[in-house]
Each structure stands twice: as structure tokens, then as C-alpha cells.
């Protein structure tokens, strides 16, 4: 039915003073032979990433991220939700936080189903053509260049799994795919490529990649056209922060 990958990465950026500053980023990418998977499966925050699939229970993803945001370890958070779920044998749930990973595939998931985990990532799928779909998705991520954008690398990982056969239900022509990324790094402008979806298509990976490329180009075009306005807005914001209180005293 679905396969997905959840990722955590730690990275550094250089400050204006030349110091190194540590950040975390989390991402989820998913595809399936049904419409609208981006509304159901992926959940991400600055503290973790979760994917819920098979017989989907969105509460597992939504509450799982909430619990991780509240400070619970991803394994404890997701296991507690599964323990309270009367249909847990039909669920597939996996995720990451800063400290570890969690994977679960209920015994009533449809063949082929399974999961794997590595350093900072998890991959899981069900109703697949075989185990190689999960293995190739994981291998593609592991081989990726961490200097490249995470959204792009997650799409590449999906493409590798899809090339291995992906979802085996060939009688279902409508697919969907999604990628989501969150990070602790503060940026002046939000990325256009951190939350992308293709809700109904026969070519999900190709369309998601094209959407990513168009979003990236759109961001660059916006910077070229509105750079002066963004800089002016930034300067005005600093001036307001520094002088706003004094101005009211006069």
C-alpha cells in the first residue's frame, strides 16, 4: 500500500562571527497507490518525524509528534499509542527523534510488509513487491550527500524504492506522494520545498520531483525579484525591535 522514510540529521552552520552552530532537521517522504497520502501519513516537527500507514490511524502520527514535542522519546511515545490501539495489528508505524528510532509492523499488515532502521533513519512499507523496495530506499538515503537539500534526497530515496517495484497493486492507477521537512535552524525566509505533495497522479515520483524543482526555481525567482523588499523588511523589523519602545515614550 505504502512505503516511507523518516530521517533525522544533525548539521552545522557558520555564524557571522565565524562560530559553528549545531542544528537538527527531520524529514518524511512517502508514496502510495491511493490519493492524498500527504494528508494521512507524514508528520514532522523540529523534534521528530513519524509516518503512520497500512490501515492508517492518523492519531498515531498526530499524537506521536505531540508527545515527542513534549519531551517523550519517540519509542516511548509511539509504543504507548500502539498499546492503546485496539487495531494495532493492522498498523505500520515508524519514526525518529534526536536520540533514536522506532519501527513497528503489525502482524496483520499485507504482504510484503516490513521495516528497517539505520543511524538516524527508518524505512517501512506494506503491500510491496518485495523486501528490496525497503532495502533500496534505505541504501539510496545512506549513499546521499548530506550537503544536498534533504527534501531532494528523500525524493531520490523514494525513487530508488519505486524503481524496485514499489506498491504491488498495479490495478490501482492513481498514486500520491509527499515530502515534509522541519529544522531547528532559524532562517529569515522559509523554504518553498519543505512541504510538497502530489495528491493524485499516475506518476507520483516524477511529479513530486518536478514539483520540487519548480518550487526551488520559484524561490530563486522570488529572491531575484523581491530581494530589495525582503532586505528592507528585515531592516525595518530590526529597527522596530530596537526602537519601538523608545518611540512611544516621546
C-alpha atoms as a PDB file:
ATOM      1  CA  UNK A   1       0.000   0.000   0.000  1.00  0.00           C
ATOM      2  CA  UNK A   2       2.694   2.432   1.057  1.00  0.00           C
ATOM      3  CA  UNK A   3       6.359   2.884   1.715  1.00  0.00           C
ATOM      4  CA  UNK A   4       8.016   5.771   3.509  1.00  0.00           C
ATOM      5  CA  UNK A   5      11.228   7.001   5.080  1.00  0.00           C
ATOM      6  CA  UNK A   6      11.754   9.086   8.239  1.00  0.00           C
ATOM      7  CA  UNK A   7      15.070  10.860   8.820  1.00  0.00           C
ATOM      8  CA  UNK A   8      16.927  12.840  11.477  1.00  0.00           C
ATOM      9  CA  UNK A   9      20.151  14.688  10.719  1.00  0.00           C
ATOM     10  CA  UNK A  10      22.413  16.882  12.825  1.00  0.00           C
ATOM     11  CA  UNK A  11      24.364  19.540  10.949  1.00  0.00           C
ATOM     12  CA  UNK A  12      26.349  22.736  11.465  1.00  0.00           C
ATOM     13  CA  UNK A  13      26.246  26.223  10.013  1.00  0.00           C
ATOM     14  CA  UNK A  14      28.727  29.068  10.398  1.00  0.00           C
ATOM     15  CA  UNK A  15      27.580  32.248  12.124  1.00  0.00           C
ATOM     16  CA  UNK A  16      28.520  35.764  11.029  1.00  0.00           C
ATOM     17  CA  UNK A  17      31.176  35.707  13.752  1.00  0.00           C
ATOM     18  CA  UNK A  18      32.730  32.536  12.324  1.00  0.00           C
ATOM     19  CA  UNK A  19      31.472  30.208  15.039  1.00  0.00           C
ATOM     20  CA  UNK A  20      29.846  26.856  14.280  1.00  0.00           C
ATOM     21  CA  UNK A  21      26.234  26.400  15.334  1.00  0.00           C
ATOM     22  CA  UNK A  22      24.553  22.980  15.571  1.00  0.00           C
ATOM     23  CA  UNK A  23      21.080  22.293  14.201  1.00  0.00           C
ATOM     24  CA  UNK A  24      18.732  19.368  13.694  1.00  0.00           C
ATOM     25  CA  UNK A  25      16.485  18.602  10.748  1.00  0.00           C
ATOM     26  CA  UNK A  26      13.789  15.977  10.337  1.00  0.00           C
ATOM     27  CA  UNK A  27      12.078  14.712   7.224  1.00  0.00           C
ATOM     28  CA  UNK A  28       9.464  12.272   5.950  1.00  0.00           C
ATOM     29  CA  UNK A  29       8.790  11.117   2.402  1.00  0.00           C
ATOM     30  CA  UNK A  30       6.027   8.723   1.379  1.00  0.00           C
ATOM     31  CA  UNK A  31       4.250   7.321  -1.659  1.00  0.00           C
ATOM     32  CA  UNK A  32       1.278   5.001  -2.208  1.00  0.00           C
ATOM     33  CA  UNK A  33      -1.205   3.779  -4.822  1.00  0.00           C
ATOM     34  CA  UNK A  34      -4.009   5.866  -3.361  1.00  0.00           C
ATOM     35  CA  UNK A  35      -4.787   9.587  -3.491  1.00  0.00           C
ATOM     36  CA  UNK A  36      -3.875  12.126  -0.825  1.00  0.00           C
ATOM     37  CA  UNK A  37      -1.218  10.289   1.175  1.00  0.00           C
ATOM     38  CA  UNK A  38       0.264  13.623   2.239  1.00  0.00           C
ATOM     39  CA  UNK A  39      -2.833  14.325   4.333  1.00  0.00           C
ATOM     40  CA  UNK A  40      -2.654  10.996   6.184  1.00  0.00           C
ATOM     41  CA  UNK A  41       0.811   9.561   6.643  1.00  0.00           C
ATOM     42  CA  UNK A  42       3.641  12.080   7.279  1.00  0.00           C
ATOM     43  CA  UNK A  43       4.083  14.083  10.469  1.00  0.00           C
ATOM     44  CA  UNK A  44       7.121  16.209  11.252  1.00  0.00           C
ATOM     45  CA  UNK A  45       8.286  18.864  13.703  1.00  0.00           C
ATOM     46  CA  UNK A  46      11.545  20.392  14.918  1.00  0.00           C
ATOM     47  CA  UNK A  47      11.820  17.442  17.324  1.00  0.00           C
ATOM     48  CA  UNK A  48      10.932  14.378  15.293  1.00  0.00           C
ATOM     49  CA  UNK A  49       9.365  12.683  12.293  1.00  0.00           C
ATOM     50  CA  UNK A  50       6.678   9.982  12.193  1.00  0.00           C
ATOM     51  CA  UNK A  51       4.926   8.006   9.446  1.00  0.00           C
ATOM     52  CA  UNK A  52       1.688   6.088  10.032  1.00  0.00           C
ATOM     53  CA  UNK A  53       0.459   3.675   7.356  1.00  0.00           C
ATOM     54  CA  UNK A  54      -1.159   0.318   6.449  1.00  0.00           C
ATOM     55  CA  UNK A  55      -4.669   0.644   7.941  1.00  0.00           C
ATOM     56  CA  UNK A  56      -3.983   4.291   8.686  1.00  0.00           C
ATOM     57  CA  UNK A  57      -4.751   5.816  12.052  1.00  0.00           C
ATOM     58  CA  UNK A  58      -3.773   9.480  11.749  1.00  0.00           C
ATOM     59  CA  UNK A  59      -4.000   9.894  15.512  1.00  0.00           C
ATOM     60  CA  UNK A  60      -0.858   7.786  15.868  1.00  0.00           C
ATOM     61  CA  UNK A  61       1.101  10.294  13.811  1.00  0.00           C
ATOM     62  CA  UNK A  62      -0.506  13.431  15.177  1.00  0.00           C
ATOM     63  CA  UNK A  63      -0.298  12.433  18.843  1.00  0.00           C
ATOM     64  CA  UNK A  64       3.091  10.809  18.334  1.00  0.00           C
ATOM     65  CA  UNK A  65       4.612  14.094  17.218  1.00  0.00           C
ATOM     66  CA  UNK A  66       2.822  15.937  20.023  1.00  0.00           C
ATOM     67  CA  UNK A  67       4.309  13.553  22.592  1.00  0.00           C
ATOM     68  CA  UNK A  68       7.797  13.894  21.103  1.00  0.00           C
ATOM     69  CA  UNK A  69       7.420  17.682  21.159  1.00  0.00           C
ATOM     70  CA  UNK A  70       6.512  17.381  24.842  1.00  0.00           C
ATOM     71  CA  UNK A  71       9.806  15.589  25.510  1.00  0.00           C
ATOM     72  CA  UNK A  72       8.876  11.906  25.314  1.00  0.00           C
ATOM     73  CA  UNK A  73      11.283   9.623  23.441  1.00  0.00           C
ATOM     74  CA  UNK A  74       9.928   8.559  20.064  1.00  0.00           C
ATOM     75  CA  UNK A  75       9.930   4.887  21.042  1.00  0.00           C
ATOM     76  CA  UNK A  76       8.001   5.520  24.250  1.00  0.00           C
ATOM     77  CA  UNK A  77       5.606   7.891  22.507  1.00  0.00           C
ATOM     78  CA  UNK A  78       4.691   5.585  19.636  1.00  0.00           C
ATOM     79  CA  UNK A  79       4.635   2.392  21.684  1.00  0.00           C
ATOM     80  CA  UNK A  80       2.233   3.935  24.204  1.00  0.00           C
ATOM     81  CA  UNK A  81      -0.121   4.879  21.376  1.00  0.00           C
ATOM     82  CA  UNK A  82       0.045   1.390  19.885  1.00  0.00           C
ATOM     83  CA  UNK A  83      -0.627  -0.153  23.295  1.00  0.00           C
ATOM     84  CA  UNK A  84      -3.874   1.823  23.454  1.00  0.00           C
ATOM     85  CA  UNK A  85      -4.880   0.995  19.861  1.00  0.00           C
ATOM     86  CA  UNK A  86      -7.307  -1.922  19.562  1.00  0.00           C
ATOM     87  CA  UNK A  87      -6.307  -2.455  15.916  1.00  0.00           C
ATOM     88  CA  UNK A  88      -2.551  -2.193  16.323  1.00  0.00           C
ATOM     89  CA  UNK A  89      -2.027  -5.479  14.469  1.00  0.00           C
ATOM     90  CA  UNK A  90      -3.147  -3.661  11.302  1.00  0.00           C
ATOM     91  CA  UNK A  91      -0.867  -0.641  11.758  1.00  0.00           C
ATOM     92  CA  UNK A  92       2.557   0.200  10.488  1.00  0.00           C
ATOM     93  CA  UNK A  93       4.268   2.984  12.400  1.00  0.00           C
ATOM     94  CA  UNK A  94       7.808   4.287  12.447  1.00  0.00           C
ATOM     95  CA  UNK A  95       9.737   7.420  13.317  1.00  0.00           C
ATOM     96  CA  UNK A  96      12.826   9.188  14.599  1.00  0.00           C
ATOM     97  CA  UNK A  97      13.824  11.788  17.149  1.00  0.00           C
ATOM     98  CA  UNK A  98      17.193  13.241  18.172  1.00  0.00           C
ATOM     99  CA  UNK A  99      18.142  10.199  20.221  1.00  0.00           C
ATOM    100  CA  UNK A 100      16.812   7.180  18.370  1.00  0.00           C
ATOM    101  CA  UNK A 101      14.377   5.363  16.115  1.00  0.00           C
ATOM    102  CA  UNK A 102      11.204   3.285  16.342  1.00  0.00           C
ATOM    103  CA  UNK A 103       9.713   0.768  13.903  1.00  0.00           C
ATOM    104  CA  UNK A 104       6.575  -1.367  14.114  1.00  0.00           C
ATOM    105  CA  UNK A 105       4.744  -3.531  11.585  1.00  0.00           C
ATOM    106  CA  UNK A 106       1.601  -5.262  12.833  1.00  0.00           C
ATOM    107  CA  UNK A 107       1.214  -8.951  12.053  1.00  0.00           C
ATOM    108  CA  UNK A 108      -1.965  -8.299  10.036  1.00  0.00           C
ATOM    109  CA  UNK A 109      -0.282  -5.918   7.575  1.00  0.00           C
ATOM    110  CA  UNK A 110      -0.473  -7.146   3.987  1.00  0.00           C
ATOM    111  CA  UNK A 111       2.471  -8.874   2.284  1.00  0.00           C
ATOM    112  CA  UNK A 112       5.063  -7.933   1.518  1.00  0.00           C
ATOM    113  CA  UNK A 113       5.484  -5.805   4.592  1.00  0.00           C
ATOM    114  CA  UNK A 114       8.401  -4.934   6.793  1.00  0.00           C
ATOM    115  CA  UNK A 115      10.757  -2.254   8.009  1.00  0.00           C
ATOM    116  CA  UNK A 116      14.384  -1.405   8.618  1.00  0.00           C
ATOM    117  CA  UNK A 117      16.303   1.168  10.641  1.00  0.00           C
ATOM    118  CA  UNK A 118      19.760   2.688  10.434  1.00  0.00           C
ATOM    119  CA  UNK A 119      21.619   5.559  12.040  1.00  0.00           C
ATOM    120  CA  UNK A 120      19.118   8.405  12.087  1.00  0.00           C
ATOM    121  CA  UNK A 121      16.540   6.879   9.750  1.00  0.00           C
ATOM    122  CA  UNK A 122      13.720   4.347   9.412  1.00  0.00           C
ATOM    123  CA  UNK A 123      12.031   2.864   6.340  1.00  0.00           C
ATOM    124  CA  UNK A 124       8.805   0.841   6.273  1.00  0.00           C
ATOM    125  CA  UNK A 125       6.339  -0.443   3.714  1.00  0.00           C
ATOM    126  CA  UNK A 126       3.452  -2.792   3.103  1.00  0.00           C
ATOM    127  CA  UNK A 127       1.754  -4.323   0.067  1.00  0.00           C
ATOM    128  CA  UNK A 128       5.099  -4.067  -1.698  1.00  0.00           C
ATOM    129  CA  UNK A 129       6.591  -6.179  -4.462  1.00  0.00           C
ATOM    130  CA  UNK A 130       9.282  -7.327  -2.042  1.00  0.00           C
ATOM    131  CA  UNK A 131      11.819  -6.548   0.662  1.00  0.00           C
ATOM    132  CA  UNK A 132      14.148  -4.927  -1.871  1.00  0.00           C
ATOM    133  CA  UNK A 133      11.862  -1.870  -2.026  1.00  0.00           C
ATOM    134  CA  UNK A 134      12.649  -1.035   1.591  1.00  0.00           C
ATOM    135  CA  UNK A 135      16.302  -2.031   1.218  1.00  0.00           C
ATOM    136  CA  UNK A 136      16.890   0.153  -1.841  1.00  0.00           C
ATOM    137  CA  UNK A 137      15.103   3.126  -0.286  1.00  0.00           C
ATOM    138  CA  UNK A 138      17.405   2.861   2.729  1.00  0.00           C
ATOM    139  CA  UNK A 139      20.511   2.342   0.586  1.00  0.00           C
ATOM    140  CA  UNK A 140      19.761   5.388  -1.556  1.00  0.00           C
ATOM    141  CA  UNK A 141      19.396   7.579   1.511  1.00  0.00           C
ATOM    142  CA  UNK A 142      22.589   6.235   3.087  1.00  0.00           C
ATOM    143  CA  UNK A 143      24.508   6.960  -0.123  1.00  0.00           C
ATOM    144  CA  UNK A 144      23.170  10.511  -0.443  1.00  0.00           C
ATOM    145  CA  UNK A 145      25.277  13.641   0.033  1.00  0.00           C
ATOM    146  CA  UNK A 146      24.290  15.384   3.303  1.00  0.00           C
ATOM    147  CA  UNK A 147      25.280  18.703   1.751  1.00  0.00           C
ATOM    148  CA  UNK A 148      22.372  18.412  -0.698  1.00  0.00           C
ATOM    149  CA  UNK A 149      18.844  19.520   0.343  1.00  0.00           C
ATOM    150  CA  UNK A 150      17.074  16.903   2.459  1.00  0.00           C
ATOM    151  CA  UNK A 151      13.806  17.144   0.525  1.00  0.00           C
ATOM    152  CA  UNK A 152      15.630  16.335  -2.709  1.00  0.00           C
ATOM    153  CA  UNK A 153      17.445  13.376  -1.158  1.00  0.00           C
ATOM    154  CA  UNK A 154      14.234  11.962   0.290  1.00  0.00           C
ATOM    155  CA  UNK A 155      12.587  12.117  -3.128  1.00  0.00           C
ATOM    156  CA  UNK A 156      15.619  10.302  -4.547  1.00  0.00           C
ATOM    157  CA  UNK A 157      15.212   7.610  -1.880  1.00  0.00           C
ATOM    158  CA  UNK A 158      11.558   7.134  -2.834  1.00  0.00           C
ATOM    159  CA  UNK A 159      12.591   6.902  -6.480  1.00  0.00           C
ATOM    160  CA  UNK A 160      15.016   4.095  -5.661  1.00  0.00           C
ATOM    161  CA  UNK A 161      12.318   2.112  -3.878  1.00  0.00           C
ATOM    162  CA  UNK A 162       9.818   2.798  -6.626  1.00  0.00           C
ATOM    163  CA  UNK A 163      12.292   1.526  -9.227  1.00  0.00           C
ATOM    164  CA  UNK A 164      12.475  -1.762  -7.315  1.00  0.00           C
ATOM    165  CA  UNK A 165       8.747  -2.281  -7.784  1.00  0.00           C
ATOM    166  CA  UNK A 166       7.168  -0.181  -5.049  1.00  0.00           C
ATOM    167  CA  UNK A 167       3.489  -0.792  -4.345  1.00  0.00           C
ATOM    168  CA  UNK A 168       2.414  -4.063  -5.967  1.00  0.00           C
ATOM    169  CA  UNK A 169      -1.236  -3.142  -6.640  1.00  0.00           C
ATOM    170  CA  UNK A 170      -0.892  -2.482 -10.346  1.00  0.00           C
ATOM    171  CA  UNK A 171      -4.682  -2.421 -10.781  1.00  0.00           C
ATOM    172  CA  UNK A 172      -4.798   0.897  -8.898  1.00  0.00           C
ATOM    173  CA  UNK A 173      -3.585   3.601 -11.320  1.00  0.00           C
ATOM    174  CA  UNK A 174      -3.890   6.642  -9.043  1.00  0.00           C
ATOM    175  CA  UNK A 175      -0.888   7.343  -6.830  1.00  0.00           C
ATOM    176  CA  UNK A 176       0.216  10.109  -4.480  1.00  0.00           C
ATOM    177  CA  UNK A 177       3.453  11.185  -2.824  1.00  0.00           C
ATOM    178  CA  UNK A 178       4.642  13.762  -0.310  1.00  0.00           C
ATOM    179  CA  UNK A 179       7.756  15.111   1.377  1.00  0.00           C
ATOM    180  CA  UNK A 180       7.968  17.193   4.564  1.00  0.00           C
ATOM    181  CA  UNK A 181      10.992  18.694   6.332  1.00  0.00           C
ATOM    182  CA  UNK A 182      11.377  20.694   9.560  1.00  0.00           C
ATOM    183  CA  UNK A 183      14.523  22.108  11.147  1.00  0.00           C
ATOM    184  CA  UNK A 184      15.687  23.936  14.257  1.00  0.00           C
ATOM    185  CA  UNK A 185      17.769  26.397  12.240  1.00  0.00           C
ATOM    186  CA  UNK A 186      16.245  29.860  12.146  1.00  0.00           C
ATOM    187  CA  UNK A 187      16.069  31.248   8.626  1.00  0.00           C
ATOM    188  CA  UNK A 188      14.984  34.686   7.507  1.00  0.00           C
ATOM    189  CA  UNK A 189      12.851  33.133   4.774  1.00  0.00           C
ATOM    190  CA  UNK A 190      11.077  29.790   4.840  1.00  0.00           C
ATOM    191  CA  UNK A 191      11.979  27.272   2.168  1.00  0.00           C
ATOM    192  CA  UNK A 192       9.459  26.637  -0.602  1.00  0.00           C
ATOM    193  CA  UNK A 193      10.490  22.955  -0.743  1.00  0.00           C
ATOM    194  CA  UNK A 194       9.877  21.778   2.834  1.00  0.00           C
ATOM    195  CA  UNK A 195       6.242  20.715   2.421  1.00  0.00           C
ATOM    196  CA  UNK A 196       5.313  19.363  -1.004  1.00  0.00           C
ATOM    197  CA  UNK A 197       2.574  16.978  -2.128  1.00  0.00           C
ATOM    198  CA  UNK A 198       1.229  15.355  -5.258  1.00  0.00           C
ATOM    199  CA  UNK A 199      -2.267  14.202  -4.361  1.00  0.00           C
ATOM    200  CA  UNK A 200      -3.479  12.286  -7.435  1.00  0.00           C
ATOM    201  CA  UNK A 201      -1.334  11.177 -10.366  1.00  0.00           C
ATOM    202  CA  UNK A 202      -0.173   8.131 -12.285  1.00  0.00           C
ATOM    203  CA  UNK A 203       3.490   9.175 -11.962  1.00  0.00           C
ATOM    204  CA  UNK A 204       3.986  10.159  -8.303  1.00  0.00           C
ATOM    205  CA  UNK A 205       7.759  10.285  -8.000  1.00  0.00           C
ATOM    206  CA  UNK A 206       8.301  12.100 -11.282  1.00  0.00           C
ATOM    207  CA  UNK A 207       5.604  14.625 -10.400  1.00  0.00           C
ATOM    208  CA  UNK A 208       6.917  15.144  -6.866  1.00  0.00           C
ATOM    209  CA  UNK A 209      10.407  15.720  -8.243  1.00  0.00           C
ATOM    210  CA  UNK A 210       9.051  18.190 -10.806  1.00  0.00           C
ATOM    211  CA  UNK A 211       7.092  19.966  -8.061  1.00  0.00           C
ATOM    212  CA  UNK A 212      10.288  20.202  -6.008  1.00  0.00           C
ATOM    213  CA  UNK A 213      12.263  21.622  -8.923  1.00  0.00           C
ATOM    214  CA  UNK A 214       9.549  24.158  -9.736  1.00  0.00           C
ATOM    215  CA  UNK A 215       9.308  25.207  -6.083  1.00  0.00           C
ATOM    216  CA  UNK A 216      13.066  25.662  -5.907  1.00  0.00           C
ATOM    217  CA  UNK A 217      13.038  27.743  -9.086  1.00  0.00           C
ATOM    218  CA  UNK A 218      10.114  29.769  -7.764  1.00  0.00           C
ATOM    219  CA  UNK A 219      12.075  30.577  -4.605  1.00  0.00           C
ATOM    220  CA  UNK A 220      15.074  31.720  -6.634  1.00  0.00           C
ATOM    221  CA  UNK A 221      12.857  33.847  -8.891  1.00  0.00           C
ATOM    222  CA  UNK A 222      11.187  35.444  -5.864  1.00  0.00           C
ATOM    223  CA  UNK A 223      14.579  36.271  -4.356  1.00  0.00           C
ATOM    224  CA  UNK A 224      15.708  37.888  -7.599  1.00  0.00           C
ATOM    225  CA  UNK A 225      12.547  39.936  -7.954  1.00  0.00           C
ATOM    226  CA  UNK A 226      11.874  40.920  -4.352  1.00  0.00           C
ATOM    227  CA  UNK A 227      15.348  40.887  -2.779  1.00  0.00           C
ATOM    228  CA  UNK A 228      15.316  44.627  -2.058  1.00  0.00           C
ATOM    229  CA  UNK A 229      11.874  44.412  -0.470  1.00  0.00           C
ATOM    230  CA  UNK A 230      12.931  41.494   1.744  1.00  0.00           C
ATOM    231  CA  UNK A 231      16.066  43.334   2.851  1.00  0.00           C
ATOM    232  CA  UNK A 232      14.094  46.493   3.600  1.00  0.00           C
ATOM    233  CA  UNK A 233      11.524  44.497   5.558  1.00  0.00           C
ATOM    234  CA  UNK A 234      14.313  42.868   7.565  1.00  0.00           C
ATOM    235  CA  UNK A 235      15.928  46.228   8.368  1.00  0.00           C
ATOM    236  CA  UNK A 236      12.567  47.723   9.346  1.00  0.00           C
ATOM    237  CA  UNK A 237      11.929  44.771  11.626  1.00  0.00           C
ATOM    238  CA  UNK A 238      15.241  45.264  13.416  1.00  0.00           C
ATOM    239  CA  UNK A 239      14.594  48.993  13.756  1.00  0.00           C
ATOM    240  CA  UNK A 240      11.147  48.360  15.200  1.00  0.00           C
ATOM    241  CA  UNK A 241      12.547  45.845  17.683  1.00  0.00           C
ATOM    242  CA  UNK A 242      15.293  48.213  18.804  1.00  0.00           C
ATOM    243  CA  UNK A 243      13.429  51.495  18.780  1.00  0.00           C
ATOM    244  CA  UNK A 244       9.754  50.744  19.118  1.00  0.00           C
ATOM    245  CA  UNK A 245       9.550  51.174  22.877  1.00  0.00           C
ATOM    246  CA  UNK A 246      11.556  54.413  22.862  1.00  0.00           C
ATOM    247  CA  UNK A 247       9.350  55.884  20.160  1.00  0.00           C
ATOM    248  CA  UNK A 248       6.244  55.541  22.317  1.00  0.00           C
ATOM    249  CA  UNK A 249       7.916  57.437  25.177  1.00  0.00           C
ATOM    250  CA  UNK A 250       8.146  60.692  23.210  1.00  0.00           C
END
